[in-house]
Amino acid sequence: MAWNIVAAFFSGMAASLGLGGGGILLLYLVLALNMEQLQAQGINLIFFLPCAVIAIIFYTKKRLIDWKAALPILAGGLLGVGLGVWIAGVVTAEWLARIFGGFLLLLGLREFFFRKTKSTKKRK
């Protein structure tokens, strides 16, 4: 039970920073708790909702959300949700886990080998 709270804490912290807290929670649920991929995704969705609401409140207070840019992205995301739910219902749990692992691998490789660094400004 204590490890669940620790995993949830770090997942929530990563999510609020935009670092993929859902991925962390999914990995924990599937690897540590031996949960089925679809069940872990369902728990992740329930976990994400209150975390997202709290993060949105804080980011809005700090004026860190460009709502004109966010709303069209939200619309595209909602369309993607429909496709994703359909794929999750058609694809077997084994293939779903492979697809998720493949995405994690590709993201990791991209970050490791192709990460663009910002040019540092010279200090006076």
Protein backbone atom coordinates (compact mmCIF):
# COMPACT_ATOMS: atom_id res chain seq x y z
CA MET A 1 0.00 0.00 0.00
CA ALA A 2 2.82 2.43 0.83
CA TRP A 3 4.46 1.83 -2.57
CA ASN A 4 1.16 2.67 -4.29
CA ILE A 5 1.16 6.05 -2.55
CA VAL A 6 4.80 6.67 -3.47
CA ALA A 7 4.15 5.75 -7.12
CA ALA A 8 1.05 7.98 -7.19
CA PHE A 9 2.98 10.87 -5.63
CA PHE A 10 5.76 10.77 -8.23
CA SER A 11 3.27 10.22 -11.06
CA GLY A 12 1.26 13.25 -9.95
CA MET A 13 4.39 15.37 -9.62
CA ALA A 14 5.63 14.34 -13.06
CA ALA A 15 2.20 14.93 -14.57
CA SER A 16 1.99 18.45 -13.13
CA LEU A 17 5.37 19.19 -14.70
CA GLY A 18 4.22 17.84 -18.07
CA LEU A 19 6.67 14.94 -17.90
CA GLY A 20 4.31 12.04 -18.56
CA GLY A 21 3.13 11.05 -15.12
CA GLY A 22 0.63 8.67 -16.71
CA GLY A 23 3.45 6.70 -18.25
CA ILE A 24 5.12 6.37 -14.86
CA LEU A 25 1.90 5.19 -13.24
CA LEU A 26 1.19 2.74 -16.08
CA LEU A 27 4.64 1.24 -15.78
CA TYR A 28 4.22 0.85 -12.03
CA LEU A 29 0.78 -0.74 -12.31
CA VAL A 30 1.79 -3.16 -15.07
CA LEU A 31 5.30 -4.06 -13.94
CA ALA A 32 5.10 -3.87 -10.14
CA LEU A 33 1.48 -4.90 -9.60
CA ASN A 34 1.19 -7.24 -12.63
CA MET A 35 -1.99 -5.49 -13.71
CA GLU A 36 -3.42 -5.95 -17.20
CA GLN A 37 -2.64 -3.07 -19.56
CA LEU A 38 -6.27 -2.02 -20.12
CA GLN A 39 -7.07 -2.11 -16.40
CA ALA A 40 -3.97 -0.01 -15.68
CA GLN A 41 -5.04 2.50 -18.35
CA GLY A 42 -8.48 2.80 -16.73
CA ILE A 43 -6.95 3.48 -13.31
CA ASN A 44 -4.57 5.96 -14.92
CA LEU A 45 -7.51 7.88 -16.42
CA ILE A 46 -9.27 8.11 -13.04
CA PHE A 47 -5.99 9.19 -11.41
CA PHE A 48 -5.36 11.82 -14.06
CA LEU A 49 -8.64 13.75 -13.78
CA PRO A 50 -8.23 15.33 -10.31
CA CYS A 51 -4.49 15.82 -10.90
CA ALA A 52 -5.20 17.67 -14.14
CA VAL A 53 -7.85 19.89 -12.55
CA ILE A 54 -5.50 20.96 -9.76
CA ALA A 55 -2.62 21.56 -12.19
CA ILE A 56 -4.89 23.61 -14.50
CA ILE A 57 -5.95 25.81 -11.56
CA PHE A 58 -2.34 26.53 -10.58
CA TYR A 59 -1.14 27.03 -14.16
CA THR A 60 -4.07 29.35 -14.87
CA LYS A 61 -3.34 31.45 -11.76
CA LYS A 62 0.26 31.83 -12.93
CA ARG A 63 -0.95 32.71 -16.45
CA LEU A 64 1.00 29.82 -17.95
CA ILE A 65 -1.79 28.58 -20.24
CA ASP A 66 -2.33 30.15 -23.63
CA TRP A 67 -6.02 29.29 -23.99
CA LYS A 68 -6.18 30.38 -27.66
CA ALA A 69 -3.49 27.82 -28.48
CA ALA A 70 -4.80 25.18 -26.07
CA LEU A 71 -8.40 24.96 -27.29
CA PRO A 72 -7.64 23.77 -30.86
CA ILE A 73 -5.15 21.28 -29.43
CA LEU A 74 -7.86 20.07 -27.04
CA ALA A 75 -10.23 19.52 -29.97
CA GLY A 76 -7.62 17.42 -31.78
CA GLY A 77 -6.94 15.48 -28.59
CA LEU A 78 -10.62 14.64 -28.20
CA LEU A 79 -10.67 13.22 -31.72
CA GLY A 80 -7.57 11.20 -30.85
CA VAL A 81 -9.30 9.83 -27.74
CA GLY A 82 -12.04 8.38 -29.91
CA LEU A 83 -9.53 6.64 -32.14
CA GLY A 84 -7.48 5.45 -29.17
CA VAL A 85 -10.48 3.95 -27.38
CA TRP A 86 -11.48 2.17 -30.58
CA ILE A 87 -7.95 0.78 -31.05
CA ALA A 88 -7.84 -0.36 -27.40
CA GLY A 89 -11.07 -2.29 -27.96
CA VAL A 90 -9.84 -3.96 -31.15
CA VAL A 91 -6.22 -4.76 -30.31
CA THR A 92 -5.31 -7.55 -27.88
CA ALA A 93 -3.80 -6.66 -24.51
CA GLU A 94 -0.49 -8.19 -25.62
CA TRP A 95 -0.26 -5.94 -28.67
CA LEU A 96 -1.40 -2.93 -26.69
CA ALA A 97 1.48 -3.50 -24.26
CA ARG A 98 3.90 -3.85 -27.20
CA ILE A 99 2.64 -0.62 -28.78
CA PHE A 100 3.02 1.21 -25.46
CA GLY A 101 6.53 -0.21 -24.99
CA GLY A 102 7.44 0.79 -28.54
CA PHE A 103 6.31 4.36 -27.95
CA LEU A 104 8.34 4.50 -24.73
CA LEU A 105 11.38 3.15 -26.55
CA LEU A 106 11.05 5.64 -29.41
CA LEU A 107 10.62 8.56 -27.00
CA GLY A 108 13.61 7.43 -24.97
CA LEU A 109 15.79 7.10 -28.06
CA ARG A 110 14.67 10.51 -29.30
CA GLU A 111 15.48 12.13 -25.96
CA PHE A 112 18.81 10.34 -25.69
CA PHE A 113 20.14 10.86 -29.22
CA PHE A 114 18.23 13.74 -30.81
CA ARG A 115 17.47 16.17 -28.01
CA LYS A 116 18.01 19.73 -29.18
CA THR A 117 19.67 21.90 -26.61
CA LYS A 118 18.87 25.56 -26.29
CA SER A 119 21.75 27.82 -27.09
CA THR A 120 23.02 29.37 -23.92
CA LYS A 121 23.31 33.12 -23.77
CA LYS A 122 26.63 34.55 -22.74
CA ARG A 123 26.53 36.08 -19.30
CA LYS A 124 27.89 39.56 -18.80
